[in-house]
Protein backbone atom coordinates (compact mmCIF):
# COMPACT_ATOMS: atom_id res chain seq x y z
CA MET A 1 126.62 86.81 99.30
CA THR A 2 130.00 85.75 98.64
CA GLU A 3 131.56 82.38 100.17
CA THR A 4 134.45 84.70 101.97
CA GLY A 5 131.32 86.65 103.33
CA ARG A 6 129.19 83.51 104.23
CA GLN A 7 132.26 81.97 106.28
CA ALA A 8 132.87 85.19 108.02
CA TRP A 9 129.15 85.39 108.97
CA LEU A 10 129.16 81.72 110.32
CA ARG A 11 132.10 82.46 112.58
CA THR A 12 130.25 85.51 114.03
CA VAL A 13 127.15 83.36 114.72
CA ALA A 14 129.44 80.56 116.11
CA ALA A 15 130.62 83.21 118.50
CA ASP A 16 127.25 84.16 119.54
CA VAL A 17 126.10 80.73 120.46
CA ALA A 18 127.68 80.89 124.02
CA ARG A 19 124.68 83.34 124.66
CA LEU A 20 121.85 80.90 124.14
CA ASP A 21 119.79 80.12 126.82
CA ARG A 22 118.73 76.36 126.33
CA SER A 23 115.39 76.78 127.87
CA SER A 24 114.53 79.17 124.90
CA SER A 25 116.67 78.15 122.12
CA ALA A 26 114.75 78.88 119.21
CA GLU A 27 114.17 82.31 120.48
CA ARG A 28 117.71 82.78 121.03
CA ALA A 29 118.85 81.49 117.68
CA ALA A 30 116.15 84.05 116.13
CA ASP A 31 117.77 86.62 118.18
CA ILE A 32 121.27 85.83 116.74
CA LEU A 33 119.94 85.70 113.18
CA ARG A 34 118.09 88.81 113.34
CA ARG A 35 121.05 90.76 114.74
CA SER A 36 122.96 89.35 111.72
CA ILE A 37 120.52 91.00 109.59
CA THR A 38 120.37 94.13 111.60
CA GLU A 39 124.50 94.51 111.32
CA GLY A 40 124.29 93.93 107.66
CA ALA A 41 126.12 90.29 107.69
CA LEU A 42 123.11 88.92 105.95
CA PRO A 43 121.91 90.80 102.78
CA PRO A 44 118.75 90.44 100.91
CA GLY A 45 118.46 87.34 98.89
CA ALA A 46 120.91 85.56 100.90
CA GLN A 47 119.94 81.63 101.19
CA LEU A 48 120.17 80.15 105.00
CA SER A 49 121.16 76.47 104.97
CA GLU A 50 119.72 74.26 107.56
CA VAL A 51 122.87 72.29 107.55
CA GLU A 52 125.19 74.79 108.50
CA LEU A 53 123.26 76.67 110.88
CA THR A 54 122.13 73.54 113.06
CA GLU A 55 126.19 72.89 113.32
CA VAL A 56 127.28 76.59 114.48
CA LEU A 57 124.15 77.40 116.52
CA GLU A 58 124.33 73.88 118.17
CA VAL A 59 120.48 73.51 117.89
CA SER A 60 118.49 70.67 116.48
CA ARG A 61 116.88 70.94 112.86
CA ASN A 62 113.39 71.34 114.64
CA THR A 63 114.84 74.30 116.74
CA LEU A 64 116.23 76.03 113.87
CA ARG A 65 113.05 75.66 111.81
CA GLU A 66 111.14 77.05 114.64
CA ALA A 67 113.38 80.12 114.73
CA PHE A 68 112.89 80.32 110.92
CA ARG A 69 109.26 80.36 111.55
CA LEU A 70 109.46 83.08 114.19
CA LEU A 71 111.52 85.34 111.73
CA THR A 72 109.43 84.51 108.74
CA HIS A 73 106.29 85.79 110.87
CA GLU A 74 108.20 89.15 111.44
CA GLY A 75 108.89 89.60 107.56
CA LEU A 76 112.65 89.05 108.04
CA LEU A 77 112.77 85.60 106.09
CA VAL A 78 110.80 84.20 103.49
CA TYR A 79 110.26 80.33 102.39
CA LYS A 80 110.29 79.84 98.86
CA LEU A 81 108.76 76.37 97.69
CA HIS A 82 111.44 73.77 96.84
CA ARG A 83 114.04 76.21 97.05
CA GLY A 84 114.70 76.92 100.99
CA VAL A 85 114.78 80.10 103.22
CA PHE A 86 115.92 83.38 102.25
CA VAL A 87 116.36 86.79 103.67
CA PRO A 88 113.84 88.82 101.76
CA GLU A 89 114.21 91.74 98.91
CA LEU A 90 112.40 94.54 100.01
CA GLY A 91 110.91 97.47 97.59
CA GLU A 92 109.80 101.13 97.29
CA GLN A 93 106.43 100.53 99.40
CA ASP A 94 108.60 99.00 102.29
CA VAL A 95 110.82 102.07 102.36
CA ILE A 96 107.46 104.37 102.73
CA ASP A 97 105.94 101.69 105.56
CA LEU A 98 108.98 101.56 107.61
CA TYR A 99 109.74 105.34 107.44
CA ARG A 100 106.20 105.96 108.41
CA LEU A 101 106.46 103.84 111.53
CA ARG A 102 109.86 105.11 112.21
CA ARG A 103 108.59 108.77 112.35
CA VAL A 104 105.53 107.59 114.54
CA LEU A 105 107.66 105.86 116.96
CA GLU A 106 110.83 107.76 116.87
CA VAL A 107 109.42 111.25 117.02
CA ASP A 108 106.85 110.48 119.50
CA VAL A 109 109.32 109.10 122.08
CA VAL A 110 111.40 112.17 121.68
CA ARG A 111 108.69 114.63 122.18
CA GLY A 112 107.01 112.69 124.81
CA LEU A 113 110.12 113.21 127.06
CA SER A 114 109.06 116.56 127.92
CA GLY A 115 106.20 115.22 130.00
CA ARG A 116 107.37 111.60 130.76
CA ASP A 117 111.05 112.53 131.90
CA PRO A 118 111.83 116.28 131.46
CA GLU A 119 114.91 115.84 134.07
CA LEU A 120 116.38 113.18 131.62
CA PRO A 121 119.63 112.16 133.61
CA ALA A 122 122.61 112.13 131.80
CA SER A 123 123.15 108.55 132.49
CA ARG A 124 120.15 107.66 130.18
CA LEU A 125 121.94 109.31 127.20
CA GLU A 126 125.35 107.61 127.76
CA PRO A 127 124.37 104.48 125.43
CA LEU A 128 123.51 107.08 122.18
CA HIS A 129 126.98 109.20 123.26
CA ASP A 130 128.70 106.05 122.83
CA ASP A 131 127.01 104.95 119.57
CA VAL A 132 127.95 108.65 118.11
CA GLU A 133 131.38 107.99 119.26
CA VAL A 134 131.94 104.60 117.86
CA ALA A 135 130.27 105.89 114.42
CA GLU A 136 132.79 108.82 114.29
CA ALA A 137 135.83 106.24 114.89
CA ALA A 138 134.61 103.99 112.41
CA ALA A 139 134.27 106.92 109.72
CA ARG A 140 137.76 108.04 110.58
CA ALA A 141 139.00 104.35 109.73
CA ASP A 142 136.95 104.17 106.66
CA ARG A 143 134.75 101.34 108.24
CA TRP A 144 131.21 102.36 106.87
CA PRO A 145 129.15 99.23 107.59
CA ALA A 146 130.19 99.63 111.14
CA VAL A 147 129.19 103.19 110.92
CA GLY A 148 125.89 101.71 109.72
CA THR A 149 125.61 99.40 112.72
CA ALA A 150 126.53 102.25 115.15
CA ASN A 151 123.70 104.28 113.49
CA MET A 152 121.37 101.52 114.16
CA ARG A 153 122.12 100.99 117.67
CA PHE A 154 121.90 104.92 118.15
CA HIS A 155 118.08 104.49 117.11
CA GLU A 156 117.68 101.37 118.93
CA HIS A 157 118.72 103.14 122.11
CA LEU A 158 116.79 106.20 121.09
CA ILE A 159 113.61 104.21 121.33
CA GLY A 160 114.72 102.74 124.50
CA LEU A 161 114.27 106.14 126.17
CA ALA A 162 110.52 104.97 126.26
CA ASP A 163 111.13 102.41 128.99
CA SER A 164 108.64 100.21 126.63
CA SER A 165 109.24 96.22 126.28
CA ARG A 166 106.90 96.45 123.19
CA MET A 167 108.48 99.01 121.60
CA ASP A 168 111.89 97.64 122.15
CA ALA A 169 110.56 94.39 120.55
CA MET A 170 109.03 96.18 117.73
CA THR A 171 112.46 98.19 117.18
CA GLY A 172 114.12 94.86 116.71
CA ARG A 173 112.23 94.04 113.47
CA LEU A 174 112.18 97.49 112.40
CA LEU A 175 115.79 98.05 112.23
CA ALA A 176 116.55 94.45 110.73
CA GLU A 177 114.24 95.56 107.78
CA LEU A 178 115.91 99.11 107.87
CA ARG A 179 119.22 97.25 107.25
CA LEU A 180 117.94 95.18 104.39
CA LEU A 181 116.88 98.31 102.59
CA PHE A 182 120.30 99.88 103.18
CA HIS A 183 121.92 97.25 100.97
CA VAL A 184 120.60 99.03 97.95
CA ILE A 185 123.13 101.58 98.37
CA ALA A 186 126.18 100.72 96.67
CA ALA A 187 128.41 103.16 98.42
CA PRO A 188 127.69 102.85 102.46
CA ARG A 189 129.69 106.27 102.95
CA GLU A 190 127.07 108.11 100.87
CA LEU A 191 124.27 106.68 102.74
CA HIS A 192 125.87 107.18 106.24
CA GLU A 193 128.43 109.95 106.25
CA PRO A 194 125.48 112.66 106.66
CA TYR A 195 123.71 111.07 109.62
CA ILE A 196 126.89 110.92 111.97
CA GLU A 197 127.02 114.62 112.45
CA ARG A 198 123.12 114.69 112.70
CA ASN A 199 123.16 112.01 115.18
CA ARG A 200 125.43 113.98 117.43
CA GLY A 201 123.23 117.17 116.92
CA LEU A 202 120.32 115.40 117.71
CA LEU A 203 122.37 114.11 121.13
CA GLU A 204 123.20 117.57 121.80
CA LEU A 205 119.47 118.73 121.79
CA LEU A 206 118.62 115.84 124.04
CA GLU A 207 121.43 116.69 126.35
CA ALA A 208 120.33 120.29 126.33
CA ARG A 209 116.69 119.13 127.13
CA LYS A 210 115.17 120.73 124.17
CA TYR A 211 112.74 117.95 123.40
CA ASP A 212 110.47 119.76 121.10
CA GLU A 213 113.28 120.97 118.97
CA ALA A 214 114.88 117.61 118.76
CA ALA A 215 111.53 116.03 117.73
CA GLU A 216 111.54 118.40 114.84
CA ASP A 217 114.75 117.91 113.88
CA LEU A 218 114.29 114.22 114.01
CA HIS A 219 111.16 114.35 111.98
CA GLN A 220 113.12 116.11 109.20
CA TYR A 221 115.95 113.77 109.69
CA LEU A 222 113.76 110.66 109.03
CA LEU A 223 112.27 112.37 105.91
CA ASP A 224 115.62 113.33 104.33
CA SER A 225 116.72 109.44 104.75
CA GLU A 226 113.60 108.21 103.45
CA HIS A 227 113.90 110.37 100.21
CA GLY A 228 117.39 109.34 99.79
CA ILE A 229 116.88 105.57 99.96
CA LEU A 230 113.88 105.91 97.57
CA ALA A 231 115.89 107.76 95.21
CA ALA A 232 118.49 105.13 95.32
CA PHE A 233 115.68 102.66 94.61
CA ARG A 234 114.46 104.65 91.86
CA ASP A 235 118.04 105.16 90.27
CA LYS A 236 118.58 101.43 89.97
CA GLY A 237 114.88 100.68 88.69
CA LEU A 238 113.65 98.72 91.97
CA GLN A 239 110.12 98.16 92.63
CA THR A 240 108.75 95.91 95.29
CA PRO A 241 109.59 92.48 94.33
CA ALA A 242 107.00 90.20 93.25
CA ALA A 243 105.70 87.48 95.32
CA THR A 244 107.48 84.40 94.80
């Protein structure tokens, strides 16, 4: 992470502090850091500074360390002896594991709509519609990292159709790890552009209540995405990083 990027990220973190609930500040601090990973602000290998973060988050060092422990347990941070806390670098096996989980979660949510909510009201799909429009606007402005963030939100809201707090919690970690994988793609436009139209197509199938067709479309979508990221890893000669 460049110094300019680090300072921009710290300003974003500071702006989020107003949302901290002092009764659960470690969890809220962890939420902010998790969102920073999901939105691409913290790349793989970035080191987190206790001095900087205790200041911008306005929390004690003990509270910050508890937040670090929460995220380490989730696999979103790693502690390296005598070096500090870092964002992990993921490998091919992580790609395979994460996409296997995505197919289990997302495809099941969509296919299950036919039995759980066959008359899905249009209001339930408004967040997905907004995500698609944000992605399309960001693409027109050539803001491809923002397209990636909108794509993350689209899939978050898609899983949200299951009305499961446990699935929602799992999705937060899943999408953060997924964003770490995306950093291996040198040109984010190549990664995200094909899926803008595919997200709209998936949304249109949901609006038409063609849930089985949408589930099949999503299954293939996720396979294509996985293959693209694996190809990028192999092109760069990246394997699963060795334990440190």
